[in-house]
Amino acid sequence: MFNQRDDKQIIEILETFATCDISDGLLNLYKIPNGGFIPNLELRSSANYRRRSTVGRAYTVKYVPTDDPTYIDEPTLNYIDNIPEDSILVSGFTEELQLPMAPYVKPITAIFGGLNAQRAQYLKCRGAVVLARVRDVGELQEIGFPLYSYGVSTCSSNASLKPISVDETLHIVTSDGLKIYVHSGDLMIMDDNGVVRIPSNSQIDICKLIEYIQKSIKVDELISQDISVGKPINSSRAERRNILKEITK
């Protein structure tokens, strides 16, 4: 199909898939818990001129409290001016600032807003996943910058939180007890259904995953046709999905 290192073509193909289809592939083909879904995030703004998923490589940023003795000597990092082109910003906290249940994080201030989004968009960042609160939602929507976050706030975090590192693995605490890891370079996919992560490790054959998803979509279209003429869904699934069993062997 294509060279596995042809990142641009991989991203272009993934943009045509819904996050639901990608989750099905990750779960059925690689047994990844939750199908790579990152839970509890809410869509704040989207690229409303496109009817495609937003896809890019994760650019991770870690925030900590400014008064934490562990990080007191760590300088505040200017990450926003160094966002890689075609990336998706993924910013979050150390584990002690996270909660397994709503509101999912302890800080009530925002770590991302309209000016940050404007600068990121200028640098051709594709979007952001903020595992925290954001503000200036109207501005985000006005410029069409795709963004998911846990919550919103009116207050800036400049006095209480600071970014200290990039390209560091983020650990996400969830309510089901499973910890999610986001590594810099992971593929991030966003659409109206949510956010899905494809790990960038050698265990994932991206070509095989794409092949599975493409065939799975066609199978679902056939099942839909069967249902529309009155065929029971279970018998249609059993018949149509046999083609996918060969790929998962």
Protein backbone atom coordinates (compact mmCIF):
# COMPACT_ATOMS: atom_id res chain seq x y z
CA MET A 1 0.00 0.00 0.00
CA PHE A 2 2.65 2.47 1.09
CA ASN A 3 5.93 2.68 2.91
CA GLN A 4 5.29 2.59 6.66
CA ARG A 5 7.54 5.62 7.08
CA ASP A 6 5.41 7.71 4.69
CA ASP A 7 3.82 9.65 7.52
CA LYS A 8 1.99 12.15 5.35
CA GLN A 9 0.13 9.45 3.44
CA ILE A 10 -0.69 7.58 6.66
CA ILE A 11 -2.21 10.74 8.15
CA GLU A 12 -4.19 11.47 4.98
CA ILE A 13 -5.73 7.98 5.07
CA LEU A 14 -6.49 8.11 8.80
CA GLU A 15 -8.27 11.45 8.26
CA THR A 16 -10.92 9.59 6.24
CA PHE A 17 -11.77 7.28 9.17
CA ALA A 18 -14.03 8.01 12.11
CA THR A 19 -12.55 7.54 15.58
CA CYS A 20 -15.11 4.76 16.16
CA ASP A 21 -13.70 2.78 13.23
CA ILE A 22 -10.15 3.25 14.50
CA SER A 23 -11.13 2.14 18.01
CA ASP A 24 -12.71 -1.01 16.57
CA GLY A 25 -9.47 -1.77 14.74
CA LEU A 26 -7.26 -1.24 17.79
CA LEU A 27 -9.54 -3.35 19.99
CA ASN A 28 -10.22 -6.23 17.59
CA LEU A 29 -6.80 -6.42 15.96
CA TYR A 30 -4.46 -5.53 18.82
CA LYS A 31 -6.64 -6.01 21.94
CA ILE A 32 -5.85 -2.48 23.11
CA PRO A 33 -8.12 -1.71 26.09
CA ASN A 34 -10.81 0.88 25.32
CA GLY A 35 -9.74 0.89 21.67
CA GLY A 36 -7.27 3.69 22.31
CA PHE A 37 -10.06 6.02 23.47
CA ILE A 38 -9.12 8.80 25.90
CA PRO A 39 -12.23 9.30 28.06
CA ASN A 40 -13.98 12.27 29.66
CA LEU A 41 -12.85 14.90 27.16
CA GLU A 42 -15.33 17.41 25.73
CA LEU A 43 -15.19 18.97 22.27
CA ARG A 44 -14.74 22.75 22.59
CA SER A 45 -14.05 23.73 18.99
CA SER A 46 -13.53 22.09 15.62
CA ALA A 47 -12.35 22.82 12.10
CA ASN A 48 -15.90 23.36 10.93
CA TYR A 49 -14.94 23.73 7.28
CA ARG A 50 -13.93 20.06 7.06
CA ARG A 51 -15.87 16.83 7.37
CA ARG A 52 -12.81 14.76 8.20
CA SER A 53 -11.05 13.61 11.34
CA THR A 54 -8.17 15.70 12.67
CA VAL A 55 -4.98 13.61 12.77
CA GLY A 56 -1.43 14.37 13.86
CA ARG A 57 1.53 13.23 15.92
CA ALA A 58 1.34 14.01 19.63
CA TYR A 59 3.53 16.82 20.96
CA THR A 60 3.32 16.36 24.73
CA VAL A 61 3.66 19.12 27.33
CA LYS A 62 3.71 18.56 31.09
CA TYR A 63 2.47 21.14 33.61
CA VAL A 64 3.27 21.32 37.34
CA PRO A 65 2.39 23.71 40.21
CA THR A 66 4.69 26.73 40.38
CA ASP A 67 5.08 26.28 44.14
CA ASP A 68 5.84 22.54 44.11
CA PRO A 69 9.26 22.12 45.83
CA THR A 70 10.09 19.27 43.46
CA TYR A 71 9.97 21.61 40.47
CA ILE A 72 10.73 24.95 42.07
CA ASP A 73 14.02 25.30 40.16
CA GLU A 74 12.54 24.20 36.84
CA PRO A 75 12.15 27.17 34.49
CA THR A 76 8.86 27.90 32.76
CA LEU A 77 9.10 26.44 29.28
CA ASN A 78 8.07 28.38 26.19
CA TYR A 79 6.64 25.42 24.29
CA ILE A 80 4.04 27.32 22.27
CA ASP A 81 6.60 28.87 19.90
CA ASN A 82 8.16 25.48 19.18
CA ILE A 83 5.12 23.36 18.29
CA PRO A 84 6.02 21.09 15.35
CA GLU A 85 4.10 21.47 12.11
CA ASP A 86 1.28 18.90 11.64
CA SER A 87 1.37 17.92 15.32
CA ILE A 88 -1.44 17.73 17.85
CA LEU A 89 -0.61 19.38 21.15
CA VAL A 90 -1.32 17.11 24.13
CA SER A 91 -0.90 18.92 27.44
CA GLY A 92 -1.55 17.62 30.93
CA PHE A 93 -0.51 17.34 34.55
CA THR A 94 1.56 15.10 36.76
CA GLU A 95 -0.50 12.35 38.40
CA GLU A 96 -0.91 14.05 41.78
CA LEU A 97 -2.93 16.82 40.11
CA GLN A 98 -5.35 14.38 38.47
CA LEU A 99 -8.63 12.91 39.68
CA PRO A 100 -10.23 9.64 38.49
CA MET A 101 -13.71 11.20 38.51
CA ALA A 102 -15.14 14.54 37.37
CA PRO A 103 -13.74 17.20 37.15
CA TYR A 104 -10.69 14.92 36.49
CA VAL A 105 -8.10 17.50 37.54
CA LYS A 106 -7.56 19.52 40.71
CA PRO A 107 -6.51 22.92 39.27
CA ILE A 108 -9.45 25.16 38.35
CA THR A 109 -7.45 27.50 36.13
CA ALA A 110 -6.98 27.20 32.36
CA ILE A 111 -3.68 26.15 30.79
CA PHE A 112 -4.65 26.99 27.19
CA GLY A 113 -6.57 29.81 25.56
CA GLY A 114 -7.23 31.87 22.48
CA LEU A 115 -3.80 33.44 21.99
CA ASN A 116 -2.08 30.08 22.39
CA ALA A 117 -4.45 28.58 19.83
CA GLN A 118 -3.80 31.41 17.40
CA ARG A 119 -0.04 30.92 17.66
CA ALA A 120 -0.32 27.13 17.39
CA GLN A 121 -2.53 27.44 14.34
CA TYR A 122 -0.06 29.83 12.70
CA LEU A 123 2.67 27.23 13.22
CA LYS A 124 0.38 24.69 11.47
CA CYS A 125 -0.39 22.67 14.57
CA ARG A 126 -3.46 20.56 13.71
CA GLY A 127 -5.26 20.80 17.06
CA ALA A 128 -4.99 20.23 20.80
CA VAL A 129 -5.99 17.73 23.47
CA VAL A 130 -5.89 19.56 26.81
CA LEU A 131 -6.11 17.18 29.77
CA ALA A 132 -7.11 20.13 31.92
CA ARG A 133 -9.19 23.31 31.56
CA VAL A 134 -9.16 25.85 28.72
CA ARG A 135 -10.63 29.32 28.24
CA ASP A 136 -11.60 31.71 25.40
CA VAL A 137 -13.86 29.06 23.88
CA GLY A 138 -15.49 31.62 21.60
CA GLU A 139 -12.10 32.56 20.14
CA LEU A 140 -11.20 28.90 19.63
CA GLN A 141 -14.44 28.35 17.73
CA GLU A 142 -14.02 31.54 15.71
CA ILE A 143 -10.66 30.48 14.31
CA GLY A 144 -11.76 26.84 13.90
CA PHE A 145 -8.97 25.34 16.01
CA PRO A 146 -9.83 21.69 16.85
CA LEU A 147 -9.65 21.21 20.61
CA TYR A 148 -10.81 18.82 23.32
CA SER A 149 -10.48 19.46 27.05
CA TYR A 150 -11.75 18.21 30.41
CA GLY A 151 -13.31 21.55 31.32
CA VAL A 152 -13.31 25.31 30.97
CA SER A 153 -12.27 28.22 33.16
CA THR A 154 -12.17 31.99 33.10
CA CYS A 155 -8.81 32.32 34.85
CA SER A 156 -5.28 31.98 33.49
CA SER A 157 -2.90 29.59 35.24
CA ASN A 158 0.16 31.86 34.95
CA ALA A 159 0.41 32.36 38.71
CA SER A 160 -0.22 28.76 39.75
CA LEU A 161 0.95 26.35 37.02
CA LYS A 162 3.85 26.19 34.60
CA PRO A 163 4.92 23.97 31.69
CA ILE A 164 8.30 22.36 32.39
CA SER A 165 8.88 19.69 29.75
CA VAL A 166 7.95 18.58 26.25
CA ASP A 167 8.13 15.18 24.55
CA GLU A 168 7.70 13.47 27.92
CA THR A 169 5.22 10.60 28.39
CA LEU A 170 1.96 11.77 29.99
CA HIS A 171 0.21 9.43 32.44
CA ILE A 172 -3.59 9.77 32.43
CA VAL A 173 -5.60 8.56 35.43
CA THR A 174 -9.03 7.10 34.56
CA SER A 175 -12.06 5.96 36.55
CA ASP A 176 -11.73 2.30 35.51
CA GLY A 177 -8.30 2.05 37.10
CA LEU A 178 -6.47 1.69 33.80
CA LYS A 179 -3.72 4.21 33.29
CA ILE A 180 -3.38 5.63 29.79
CA TYR A 181 0.03 6.65 28.48
CA VAL A 182 0.48 9.23 25.74
CA HIS A 183 3.94 9.31 24.20
CA SER A 184 5.25 12.09 22.03
CA GLY A 185 4.92 10.84 18.47
CA ASP A 186 1.78 8.76 19.06
CA LEU A 187 -0.86 9.28 16.40
CA MET A 188 -3.83 11.27 17.74
CA ILE A 189 -7.21 11.22 15.99
CA MET A 190 -10.06 13.61 16.86
CA ASP A 191 -13.61 13.92 15.59
CA ASP A 192 -17.11 14.56 16.95
CA ASN A 193 -17.05 11.21 18.77
CA GLY A 194 -13.90 11.87 20.80
CA VAL A 195 -10.14 11.35 20.85
CA VAL A 196 -8.28 8.12 20.02
CA ARG A 197 -4.58 7.37 20.35
CA ILE A 198 -2.63 4.94 18.16
CA PRO A 199 0.61 4.01 19.96
CA SER A 200 3.78 4.68 18.00
CA ASN A 201 5.42 1.44 19.10
CA SER A 202 6.61 -1.44 16.96
CA GLN A 203 3.69 -3.67 18.03
CA ILE A 204 1.30 -1.73 15.81
CA ASP A 205 1.54 -2.51 12.10
CA ILE A 206 -0.11 0.64 10.78
CA CYS A 207 -0.54 -0.83 7.29
CA LYS A 208 -2.36 -3.86 8.69
CA LEU A 209 -4.49 -1.64 10.91
CA ILE A 210 -5.53 0.53 7.97
CA GLU A 211 -6.37 -2.55 5.91
CA TYR A 212 -8.53 -3.90 8.74
CA ILE A 213 -10.38 -0.60 9.19
CA GLN A 214 -11.06 -0.26 5.46
CA LYS A 215 -12.52 -3.77 5.28
CA SER A 216 -14.44 -3.28 8.53
CA ILE A 217 -16.11 -0.15 7.13
CA LYS A 218 -17.18 -2.04 4.01
CA VAL A 219 -18.56 -4.88 6.15
CA ASP A 220 -20.59 -2.42 8.22
CA GLU A 221 -21.99 -0.91 5.03
CA LEU A 222 -23.15 -4.38 3.93
CA ILE A 223 -24.70 -5.04 7.34
CA SER A 224 -26.51 -1.72 7.09
CA GLN A 225 -27.90 -2.74 3.71
CA ASP A 226 -29.08 -6.05 5.16
CA ILE A 227 -30.82 -4.32 8.07
CA SER A 228 -32.56 -1.87 5.72
CA VAL A 229 -34.32 -4.78 3.98
CA GLY A 230 -35.35 -6.51 7.20
CA LYS A 231 -32.53 -8.98 7.87
CA PRO A 232 -31.83 -9.62 11.60
CA ILE A 233 -28.68 -7.83 12.73
CA ASN A 234 -27.07 -10.83 14.47
CA SER A 235 -27.30 -13.13 11.46
CA SER A 236 -26.04 -10.37 9.17
CA ARG A 237 -23.06 -9.70 11.44
CA ALA A 238 -22.20 -13.40 11.64
CA GLU A 239 -22.25 -13.72 7.87
CA ARG A 240 -20.59 -10.46 6.86
CA ARG A 241 -17.81 -10.30 9.43
CA ASN A 242 -16.20 -13.59 8.49
CA ILE A 243 -13.94 -11.64 6.14
CA LEU A 244 -12.35 -9.86 9.12
CA LYS A 245 -11.38 -13.08 10.88
CA GLU A 246 -8.62 -13.74 8.36
CA ILE A 247 -6.93 -10.43 9.19
CA THR A 248 -7.04 -10.99 12.96
CA LYS A 249 -5.35 -14.42 12.80
